């Protein structure tokens, strides 16, 4: 297993919807291991999705609110109740903005062996599950921002006002 370099906003892989995983093999298990190593070695982490390390597969790992794991080919169910806490992203390092998310999320998918898997969470875990699932669809958290918050985020991104990618391998 290896800690892999995090792709930074502007890399097209971050805006490309990922392909579903069809082979639950040793290569997939190695990818899950690399994602987890990358997550555990990254600053300010809650999850890492495959496109963030340049892989266009529907796979993410998470470590939030005492829950750590992985999810493959996720589908997500969201509550109507919302939260609006600050959110950041390893692919836009150093920028944090209040981001609207559902308060509760349930994700269904598979583990690295092809077995059905479900994870449900509220608050920060729900936020992480939504954030990582969005990555698999080519969306970044700044895409959910509205109004002045969105304008400020886009200005800071265009101006390059986020941490240097070299700090994040």
N, C-alpha and C. Protein backbone atom coordinates (compact mmCIF):
# COMPACT_ATOMS: atom_id res chain seq x y z
N UNK A 1 0.85 -1.17 0.00
CA UNK A 1 0.00 0.00 0.00
C UNK A 1 0.89 1.24 0.00
N UNK A 2 0.33 2.33 -0.52
CA UNK A 2 1.12 3.52 -0.73
C UNK A 2 0.27 4.77 -0.54
N UNK A 3 0.88 5.79 0.03
CA UNK A 3 0.23 7.10 0.06
C UNK A 3 0.42 7.72 -1.32
N UNK A 4 -0.67 8.13 -1.94
CA UNK A 4 -0.62 8.66 -3.31
C UNK A 4 -0.82 10.17 -3.30
N UNK A 5 -0.36 10.82 -4.35
CA UNK A 5 -0.49 12.28 -4.49
C UNK A 5 -1.96 12.64 -4.69
N UNK A 6 -2.38 13.71 -4.03
CA UNK A 6 -3.74 14.22 -4.15
C UNK A 6 -3.81 15.15 -5.36
N UNK A 7 -4.77 14.93 -6.23
CA UNK A 7 -5.00 15.80 -7.38
C UNK A 7 -5.66 17.08 -6.89
N UNK A 8 -5.25 18.19 -7.48
CA UNK A 8 -5.71 19.52 -7.06
C UNK A 8 -6.67 20.08 -8.10
N UNK A 9 -7.61 20.91 -7.63
CA UNK A 9 -8.60 21.52 -8.51
C UNK A 9 -7.91 22.05 -9.77
N UNK A 10 -8.56 21.81 -10.89
CA UNK A 10 -7.99 22.12 -12.19
C UNK A 10 -7.62 20.84 -12.94
N UNK A 11 -7.38 19.76 -12.20
CA UNK A 11 -7.10 18.47 -12.82
C UNK A 11 -8.43 17.91 -13.35
N UNK A 12 -8.51 17.58 -14.64
CA UNK A 12 -9.78 17.12 -15.22
C UNK A 12 -10.36 15.87 -14.58
N UNK A 13 -9.53 15.04 -13.97
CA UNK A 13 -10.06 13.81 -13.35
C UNK A 13 -11.06 14.14 -12.23
N UNK A 14 -10.90 15.30 -11.61
CA UNK A 14 -11.81 15.67 -10.52
C UNK A 14 -13.20 16.07 -11.02
N UNK A 15 -13.31 16.37 -12.31
CA UNK A 15 -14.59 16.79 -12.89
C UNK A 15 -15.20 15.71 -13.80
N UNK A 16 -14.60 14.53 -13.80
CA UNK A 16 -15.06 13.44 -14.66
C UNK A 16 -15.81 12.41 -13.83
N UNK A 17 -17.07 12.12 -14.17
CA UNK A 17 -17.80 11.07 -13.44
C UNK A 17 -17.05 9.73 -13.54
N UNK A 18 -17.02 9.00 -12.44
CA UNK A 18 -16.28 7.74 -12.36
C UNK A 18 -17.10 6.57 -12.89
N UNK A 19 -16.39 5.56 -13.32
CA UNK A 19 -17.01 4.33 -13.81
C UNK A 19 -17.30 3.40 -12.63
N UNK A 20 -18.40 2.65 -12.70
CA UNK A 20 -18.66 1.65 -11.65
C UNK A 20 -17.57 0.58 -11.66
N UNK A 21 -17.28 0.05 -10.50
CA UNK A 21 -16.33 -1.05 -10.36
C UNK A 21 -17.05 -2.34 -10.79
N UNK A 22 -16.39 -3.13 -11.61
CA UNK A 22 -16.97 -4.40 -12.07
C UNK A 22 -16.14 -5.61 -11.63
N UNK A 23 -14.88 -5.39 -11.26
CA UNK A 23 -14.01 -6.49 -10.83
C UNK A 23 -13.59 -6.28 -9.38
N UNK A 24 -14.01 -7.18 -8.53
CA UNK A 24 -13.66 -7.11 -7.11
C UNK A 24 -12.46 -8.04 -6.90
N UNK A 25 -11.29 -7.54 -7.31
CA UNK A 25 -10.09 -8.36 -7.38
C UNK A 25 -8.96 -7.74 -6.55
N UNK A 26 -7.77 -8.30 -6.72
CA UNK A 26 -6.60 -7.81 -5.97
C UNK A 26 -6.28 -6.37 -6.31
N UNK A 27 -6.49 -5.96 -7.57
CA UNK A 27 -6.22 -4.57 -7.94
C UNK A 27 -7.15 -3.62 -7.18
N UNK A 28 -8.41 -4.00 -7.03
CA UNK A 28 -9.35 -3.17 -6.27
C UNK A 28 -8.93 -3.10 -4.81
N UNK A 29 -8.54 -4.22 -4.22
CA UNK A 29 -8.11 -4.22 -2.82
C UNK A 29 -6.87 -3.35 -2.64
N UNK A 30 -5.97 -3.37 -3.63
CA UNK A 30 -4.78 -2.50 -3.56
C UNK A 30 -5.19 -1.03 -3.64
N UNK A 31 -6.17 -0.71 -4.49
CA UNK A 31 -6.66 0.68 -4.59
C UNK A 31 -7.26 1.12 -3.26
N UNK A 32 -8.09 0.27 -2.65
CA UNK A 32 -8.68 0.61 -1.35
C UNK A 32 -7.57 0.84 -0.32
N UNK A 33 -6.55 0.00 -0.33
CA UNK A 33 -5.42 0.18 0.59
C UNK A 33 -4.68 1.48 0.35
N UNK A 34 -4.43 1.80 -0.92
CA UNK A 34 -3.76 3.07 -1.24
C UNK A 34 -4.60 4.27 -0.81
N UNK A 35 -5.91 4.19 -1.04
CA UNK A 35 -6.80 5.28 -0.62
C UNK A 35 -6.75 5.46 0.89
N UNK A 36 -6.80 4.36 1.64
CA UNK A 36 -6.77 4.47 3.10
C UNK A 36 -5.42 5.00 3.57
N UNK A 37 -4.32 4.54 2.99
CA UNK A 37 -3.00 5.08 3.35
C UNK A 37 -2.93 6.57 3.06
N UNK A 38 -3.47 6.98 1.92
CA UNK A 38 -3.49 8.40 1.55
C UNK A 38 -4.32 9.20 2.54
N UNK A 39 -5.49 8.67 2.89
CA UNK A 39 -6.36 9.33 3.86
C UNK A 39 -5.66 9.50 5.20
N UNK A 40 -5.08 8.43 5.71
CA UNK A 40 -4.48 8.48 7.04
C UNK A 40 -3.23 9.34 7.08
N UNK A 41 -2.60 9.57 5.92
CA UNK A 41 -1.41 10.42 5.87
C UNK A 41 -1.69 11.85 5.51
N UNK A 42 -2.95 12.17 5.23
CA UNK A 42 -3.31 13.53 4.78
C UNK A 42 -3.74 14.39 5.96
N UNK A 43 -3.45 15.69 5.88
CA UNK A 43 -3.88 16.61 6.95
C UNK A 43 -5.36 16.95 6.82
N UNK A 44 -6.04 17.11 7.96
CA UNK A 44 -7.42 17.57 7.96
C UNK A 44 -8.36 16.69 7.17
N UNK A 45 -8.26 15.43 7.35
CA UNK A 45 -8.93 14.46 6.50
C UNK A 45 -10.25 13.95 7.07
N UNK A 46 -11.16 13.57 6.19
CA UNK A 46 -12.38 12.85 6.56
C UNK A 46 -12.66 11.77 5.52
N UNK A 47 -12.08 11.92 4.33
CA UNK A 47 -12.26 10.92 3.28
C UNK A 47 -11.40 11.24 2.09
N UNK A 48 -11.22 10.24 1.25
CA UNK A 48 -10.53 10.40 -0.03
C UNK A 48 -11.25 9.52 -1.04
N UNK A 49 -11.54 10.09 -2.20
CA UNK A 49 -12.19 9.35 -3.29
C UNK A 49 -11.16 9.04 -4.38
N UNK A 50 -11.41 7.96 -5.11
CA UNK A 50 -10.47 7.51 -6.14
C UNK A 50 -10.05 8.61 -7.11
N UNK A 51 -10.95 9.47 -7.60
CA UNK A 51 -10.48 10.50 -8.54
C UNK A 51 -9.46 11.46 -7.92
N UNK A 52 -9.48 11.59 -6.61
CA UNK A 52 -8.51 12.48 -5.96
C UNK A 52 -7.08 11.95 -6.06
N UNK A 53 -6.94 10.67 -6.39
CA UNK A 53 -5.60 10.13 -6.63
C UNK A 53 -5.45 9.72 -8.10
N UNK A 54 -6.35 10.23 -8.95
CA UNK A 54 -6.23 10.05 -10.38
C UNK A 54 -6.86 8.79 -10.95
N UNK A 55 -7.72 8.13 -10.18
CA UNK A 55 -8.35 6.89 -10.62
C UNK A 55 -9.85 7.13 -10.82
N UNK A 56 -10.36 6.82 -11.99
CA UNK A 56 -11.76 7.08 -12.32
C UNK A 56 -12.69 5.94 -11.97
N UNK A 57 -12.61 5.45 -10.73
CA UNK A 57 -13.45 4.33 -10.28
C UNK A 57 -14.31 4.79 -9.11
N UNK A 58 -15.49 4.22 -8.99
CA UNK A 58 -16.43 4.58 -7.92
C UNK A 58 -16.02 3.92 -6.60
N UNK A 59 -15.00 4.50 -5.98
CA UNK A 59 -14.46 3.99 -4.71
C UNK A 59 -14.08 5.17 -3.84
N UNK A 60 -14.45 5.11 -2.55
CA UNK A 60 -13.93 6.09 -1.60
C UNK A 60 -13.70 5.43 -0.25
N UNK A 61 -12.86 6.09 0.55
CA UNK A 61 -12.63 5.69 1.94
C UNK A 61 -13.00 6.87 2.82
N UNK A 62 -13.31 6.58 4.08
CA UNK A 62 -13.70 7.64 5.01
C UNK A 62 -13.20 7.31 6.41
N UNK A 63 -13.06 8.36 7.22
CA UNK A 63 -12.68 8.25 8.62
C UNK A 63 -13.28 9.47 9.31
N UNK A 64 -14.50 9.30 9.82
CA UNK A 64 -15.24 10.44 10.39
C UNK A 64 -16.09 9.98 11.56
N UNK A 65 -16.10 10.76 12.61
CA UNK A 65 -16.92 10.48 13.80
C UNK A 65 -16.74 9.06 14.33
N UNK A 66 -15.50 8.57 14.30
CA UNK A 66 -15.23 7.24 14.84
C UNK A 66 -15.58 6.10 13.90
N UNK A 67 -15.96 6.39 12.68
CA UNK A 67 -16.28 5.37 11.68
C UNK A 67 -15.22 5.43 10.59
N UNK A 68 -14.63 4.29 10.29
CA UNK A 68 -13.61 4.23 9.24
C UNK A 68 -13.97 3.06 8.32
N UNK A 69 -13.88 3.30 7.01
CA UNK A 69 -14.16 2.22 6.09
C UNK A 69 -14.03 2.67 4.65
N UNK A 70 -14.61 1.85 3.79
CA UNK A 70 -14.59 2.15 2.35
C UNK A 70 -15.95 1.82 1.75
N UNK A 71 -16.19 2.34 0.56
CA UNK A 71 -17.45 2.10 -0.13
C UNK A 71 -17.16 2.06 -1.63
N UNK A 72 -17.79 1.10 -2.29
CA UNK A 72 -17.62 0.91 -3.73
C UNK A 72 -19.00 0.96 -4.39
N UNK A 73 -19.08 1.68 -5.52
CA UNK A 73 -20.32 1.85 -6.28
C UNK A 73 -21.47 2.35 -5.40
N UNK A 74 -21.28 3.46 -4.69
CA UNK A 74 -22.29 3.92 -3.75
C UNK A 74 -23.52 4.54 -4.40
N UNK A 75 -24.64 4.35 -3.72
CA UNK A 75 -25.84 5.14 -3.96
C UNK A 75 -26.17 5.77 -2.61
N UNK A 76 -26.76 6.96 -2.63
CA UNK A 76 -26.93 7.70 -1.39
C UNK A 76 -28.37 8.14 -1.22
N UNK A 77 -28.85 8.06 0.02
CA UNK A 77 -30.16 8.56 0.41
C UNK A 77 -29.93 9.67 1.42
N UNK A 78 -30.62 10.80 1.23
CA UNK A 78 -30.41 11.97 2.08
C UNK A 78 -31.69 12.36 2.79
N UNK A 79 -31.55 12.87 4.01
CA UNK A 79 -32.69 13.39 4.75
C UNK A 79 -33.05 14.78 4.23
N UNK A 80 -34.24 15.22 4.57
CA UNK A 80 -34.64 16.59 4.22
C UNK A 80 -34.06 17.60 5.20
N UNK A 81 -33.76 17.17 6.42
CA UNK A 81 -33.16 18.05 7.42
C UNK A 81 -31.75 18.41 6.95
N UNK A 82 -31.35 19.66 7.14
CA UNK A 82 -30.07 20.12 6.61
C UNK A 82 -29.12 20.61 7.70
N UNK A 83 -27.88 20.75 7.31
CA UNK A 83 -26.83 21.35 8.13
C UNK A 83 -26.02 22.28 7.22
N UNK A 84 -25.30 23.22 7.81
CA UNK A 84 -24.57 24.20 7.02
C UNK A 84 -23.22 24.52 7.68
N UNK A 85 -22.44 23.48 7.98
CA UNK A 85 -21.15 23.67 8.63
C UNK A 85 -20.06 23.91 7.60
N UNK A 86 -18.88 24.31 8.10
CA UNK A 86 -17.75 24.53 7.21
C UNK A 86 -17.28 23.21 6.63
N UNK A 87 -16.84 23.29 5.39
CA UNK A 87 -16.33 22.11 4.70
C UNK A 87 -15.08 22.51 3.93
N UNK A 88 -14.18 21.57 3.80
CA UNK A 88 -12.98 21.76 3.01
C UNK A 88 -12.74 20.53 2.17
N UNK A 89 -11.64 20.52 1.43
CA UNK A 89 -11.35 19.40 0.54
C UNK A 89 -9.85 19.32 0.32
N UNK A 90 -9.31 18.11 0.36
CA UNK A 90 -7.88 17.94 0.10
C UNK A 90 -7.51 18.39 -1.31
N UNK A 91 -8.46 18.40 -2.22
CA UNK A 91 -8.20 18.84 -3.60
C UNK A 91 -8.31 20.35 -3.78
N UNK A 92 -8.75 21.05 -2.74
CA UNK A 92 -8.75 22.52 -2.72
C UNK A 92 -8.18 22.90 -1.34
N UNK A 93 -6.90 22.60 -1.12
CA UNK A 93 -6.34 22.69 0.23
C UNK A 93 -6.34 24.10 0.81
N UNK A 94 -6.74 24.14 2.09
CA UNK A 94 -6.67 25.40 2.83
C UNK A 94 -7.90 26.28 2.74
N UNK A 95 -8.85 25.97 1.87
CA UNK A 95 -10.07 26.76 1.76
C UNK A 95 -11.22 26.02 2.44
N UNK A 96 -12.00 26.75 3.24
CA UNK A 96 -13.13 26.18 3.96
C UNK A 96 -14.29 27.15 3.86
N UNK A 97 -15.48 26.61 3.57
CA UNK A 97 -16.67 27.44 3.43
C UNK A 97 -17.88 26.73 4.03
N UNK A 98 -18.81 27.50 4.63
CA UNK A 98 -20.07 26.88 5.07
C UNK A 98 -20.75 26.26 3.84
N UNK A 99 -21.06 24.98 3.96
CA UNK A 99 -21.57 24.22 2.82
C UNK A 99 -22.85 23.51 3.20
N UNK A 100 -23.93 23.74 2.45
CA UNK A 100 -25.20 23.06 2.77
C UNK A 100 -25.13 21.57 2.44
N UNK A 101 -25.54 20.76 3.39
CA UNK A 101 -25.60 19.31 3.24
C UNK A 101 -26.81 18.78 4.00
N UNK A 102 -27.22 17.58 3.66
CA UNK A 102 -28.27 16.90 4.44
C UNK A 102 -27.70 16.54 5.80
N UNK A 103 -28.54 16.56 6.82
CA UNK A 103 -28.10 16.22 8.17
C UNK A 103 -27.84 14.72 8.32
N UNK A 104 -28.57 13.90 7.58
CA UNK A 104 -28.44 12.44 7.68
C UNK A 104 -28.23 11.87 6.28
N UNK A 105 -27.39 10.85 6.20
CA UNK A 105 -27.14 10.19 4.91
C UNK A 105 -26.99 8.69 5.13
N UNK A 106 -27.49 7.94 4.19
CA UNK A 106 -27.29 6.49 4.16
C UNK A 106 -26.73 6.14 2.79
N UNK A 107 -25.63 5.42 2.80
CA UNK A 107 -24.98 5.02 1.56
C UNK A 107 -25.01 3.50 1.45
N UNK A 108 -25.46 3.04 0.30
CA UNK A 108 -25.48 1.61 -0.01
C UNK A 108 -24.47 1.36 -1.11
N UNK A 109 -23.76 0.26 -1.03
CA UNK A 109 -22.79 -0.11 -2.05
C UNK A 109 -22.22 -1.46 -1.73
N UNK A 110 -20.92 -1.59 -1.95
CA UNK A 110 -20.25 -2.87 -1.77
C UNK A 110 -18.91 -2.66 -1.09
N UNK A 111 -18.43 -3.72 -0.42
CA UNK A 111 -17.08 -3.68 0.12
C UNK A 111 -16.11 -4.20 -0.94
N UNK A 112 -14.84 -4.25 -0.61
CA UNK A 112 -13.82 -4.61 -1.58
C UNK A 112 -13.89 -6.06 -2.05
N UNK A 113 -14.74 -6.86 -1.41
CA UNK A 113 -14.92 -8.26 -1.81
C UNK A 113 -16.22 -8.46 -2.57
N UNK A 114 -16.98 -7.38 -2.82
CA UNK A 114 -18.23 -7.47 -3.54
C UNK A 114 -19.43 -7.75 -2.67
N UNK A 115 -19.26 -7.71 -1.36
CA UNK A 115 -20.37 -7.93 -0.43
C UNK A 115 -21.14 -6.64 -0.22
N UNK A 116 -22.48 -6.72 -0.14
CA UNK A 116 -23.29 -5.52 0.10
C UNK A 116 -22.88 -4.82 1.39
N UNK A 117 -22.92 -3.50 1.37
CA UNK A 117 -22.47 -2.69 2.49
C UNK A 117 -23.37 -1.47 2.61
N UNK A 118 -23.73 -1.12 3.84
CA UNK A 118 -24.51 0.08 4.10
C UNK A 118 -23.89 0.82 5.27
N UNK A 119 -23.77 2.14 5.14
CA UNK A 119 -23.31 2.99 6.25
C UNK A 119 -24.28 4.16 6.35
N UNK A 120 -24.72 4.43 7.58
CA UNK A 120 -25.61 5.56 7.84
C UNK A 120 -24.94 6.46 8.85
N UNK A 121 -25.16 7.75 8.71
CA UNK A 121 -24.59 8.68 9.67
C UNK A 121 -25.30 10.01 9.67
N UNK A 122 -25.01 10.76 10.72
CA UNK A 122 -25.54 12.11 10.88
C UNK A 122 -24.39 13.07 11.08
N UNK A 123 -24.67 14.35 10.92
CA UNK A 123 -23.67 15.37 11.19
C UNK A 123 -22.43 15.23 10.32
N UNK A 124 -21.26 15.16 10.96
CA UNK A 124 -20.00 15.15 10.24
C UNK A 124 -19.84 13.90 9.36
N UNK A 125 -20.25 12.73 9.85
CA UNK A 125 -20.17 11.52 9.03
C UNK A 125 -21.06 11.65 7.80
N UNK A 126 -22.27 12.17 7.95
CA UNK A 126 -23.16 12.37 6.81
C UNK A 126 -22.52 13.33 5.81
N UNK A 127 -21.89 14.38 6.31
CA UNK A 127 -21.22 15.35 5.45
C UNK A 127 -20.10 14.66 4.66
N UNK A 128 -19.29 13.85 5.33
CA UNK A 128 -18.19 13.16 4.66
C UNK A 128 -18.72 12.20 3.59
N UNK A 129 -19.76 11.46 3.89
CA UNK A 129 -20.33 10.52 2.91
C UNK A 129 -20.84 11.25 1.68
N UNK A 130 -21.49 12.40 1.88
CA UNK A 130 -21.98 13.18 0.75
C UNK A 130 -20.83 13.76 -0.06
N UNK A 131 -19.83 14.27 0.63
CA UNK A 131 -18.67 14.89 -0.02
C UNK A 131 -17.96 13.87 -0.91
N UNK A 132 -17.70 12.68 -0.37
CA UNK A 132 -16.98 11.66 -1.13
C UNK A 132 -17.82 11.10 -2.28
N UNK A 133 -19.10 10.92 -2.05
CA UNK A 133 -19.98 10.46 -3.14
C UNK A 133 -20.01 11.49 -4.26
N UNK A 134 -20.05 12.77 -3.91
CA UNK A 134 -20.00 13.82 -4.93
C UNK A 134 -18.75 13.70 -5.79
N UNK A 135 -17.60 13.44 -5.18
CA UNK A 135 -16.36 13.29 -5.95
C UNK A 135 -16.52 12.25 -7.06
N UNK A 136 -17.24 11.19 -6.78
CA UNK A 136 -17.39 10.11 -7.76
C UNK A 136 -18.26 10.52 -8.94
N UNK A 137 -18.99 11.62 -8.78
CA UNK A 137 -19.84 12.16 -9.86
C UNK A 137 -19.21 13.39 -10.51
N UNK A 138 -17.95 13.67 -10.18
CA UNK A 138 -17.25 14.81 -10.79
C UNK A 138 -17.63 16.15 -10.18
N UNK A 139 -18.14 16.12 -8.93
CA UNK A 139 -18.54 17.36 -8.26
C UNK A 139 -17.62 17.63 -7.07
N UNK A 140 -17.34 18.92 -6.85
CA UNK A 140 -16.57 19.37 -5.70
C UNK A 140 -17.50 20.13 -4.76
N UNK A 141 -17.12 20.22 -3.50
CA UNK A 141 -18.01 20.87 -2.53
C UNK A 141 -18.33 22.31 -2.90
N UNK A 142 -17.43 23.00 -3.57
CA UNK A 142 -17.70 24.40 -3.94
C UNK A 142 -18.85 24.49 -4.94
N UNK A 143 -19.18 23.38 -5.62
CA UNK A 143 -20.31 23.37 -6.56
C UNK A 143 -21.64 23.50 -5.84
N UNK A 144 -21.68 23.16 -4.55
CA UNK A 144 -22.93 23.24 -3.79
C UNK A 144 -23.14 24.60 -3.14
N UNK A 145 -22.11 25.44 -3.17
CA UNK A 145 -22.21 26.77 -2.55
C UNK A 145 -23.12 27.67 -3.36
N UNK A 146 -23.72 28.64 -2.69
CA UNK A 146 -24.62 29.59 -3.34
C UNK A 146 -24.27 31.01 -2.91
N UNK A 147 -24.73 31.96 -3.70
CA UNK A 147 -24.63 33.37 -3.34
C UNK A 147 -23.20 33.84 -3.15
N UNK A 148 -23.02 34.70 -2.14
CA UNK A 148 -21.72 35.32 -1.89
C UNK A 148 -20.67 34.29 -1.52
N UNK A 149 -21.05 33.24 -0.81
CA UNK A 149 -20.09 32.19 -0.47
C UNK A 149 -19.50 31.55 -1.71
N UNK A 150 -20.32 31.28 -2.70
CA UNK A 150 -19.83 30.69 -3.95
C UNK A 150 -18.93 31.67 -4.70
N UNK A 151 -19.36 32.94 -4.76
CA UNK A 151 -18.55 33.95 -5.45
C UNK A 151 -17.18 34.08 -4.79
N UNK A 152 -17.15 34.10 -3.45
CA UNK A 152 -15.89 34.23 -2.73
C UNK A 152 -15.00 33.01 -2.97
N UNK A 153 -15.58 31.82 -2.93
CA UNK A 153 -14.81 30.60 -3.17
C UNK A 153 -14.20 30.61 -4.56
N UNK A 154 -14.99 30.95 -5.56
CA UNK A 154 -14.48 30.94 -6.93
C UNK A 154 -13.40 32.00 -7.13
N UNK A 155 -13.56 33.17 -6.49
CA UNK A 155 -12.51 34.20 -6.57
C UNK A 155 -11.20 33.68 -5.98
N UNK A 156 -11.29 33.04 -4.82
CA UNK A 156 -10.08 32.55 -4.15
C UNK A 156 -9.44 31.41 -4.95
N UNK A 157 -10.24 30.57 -5.55
CA UNK A 157 -9.70 29.49 -6.37
C UNK A 157 -9.01 30.07 -7.61
N UNK A 158 -9.69 31.00 -8.31
CA UNK A 158 -9.09 31.62 -9.50
C UNK A 158 -7.78 32.33 -9.16
N UNK A 159 -7.73 32.94 -7.98
CA UNK A 159 -6.52 33.66 -7.57
C UNK A 159 -5.44 32.71 -7.03
N UNK A 160 -5.77 31.43 -6.92
CA UNK A 160 -4.80 30.46 -6.42
C UNK A 160 -4.55 30.59 -4.93
N UNK A 161 -5.56 31.03 -4.19
CA UNK A 161 -5.40 31.27 -2.76
C UNK A 161 -5.66 30.01 -1.93
N UNK A 162 -5.12 28.92 -2.36
CA UNK A 162 -5.19 27.71 -1.54
C UNK A 162 -3.77 27.21 -1.34
N UNK A 163 -3.60 26.33 -0.36
CA UNK A 163 -2.27 25.83 -0.01
C UNK A 163 -1.60 25.18 -1.20
N UNK A 164 -0.30 25.20 -1.21
CA UNK A 164 0.49 24.57 -2.26
C UNK A 164 0.25 23.06 -2.28
N UNK A 165 0.04 22.48 -3.46
CA UNK A 165 -0.15 21.04 -3.57
C UNK A 165 1.03 20.24 -3.01
N UNK A 166 2.21 20.80 -3.02
CA UNK A 166 3.38 20.06 -2.53
C UNK A 166 3.27 19.73 -1.03
N UNK A 167 2.47 20.49 -0.30
CA UNK A 167 2.26 20.21 1.11
C UNK A 167 1.42 18.96 1.30
N UNK A 168 0.74 18.54 0.24
CA UNK A 168 -0.21 17.43 0.36
C UNK A 168 0.20 16.24 -0.48
N UNK A 169 1.47 16.16 -0.81
CA UNK A 169 2.05 15.07 -1.62
C UNK A 169 1.42 15.07 -2.95
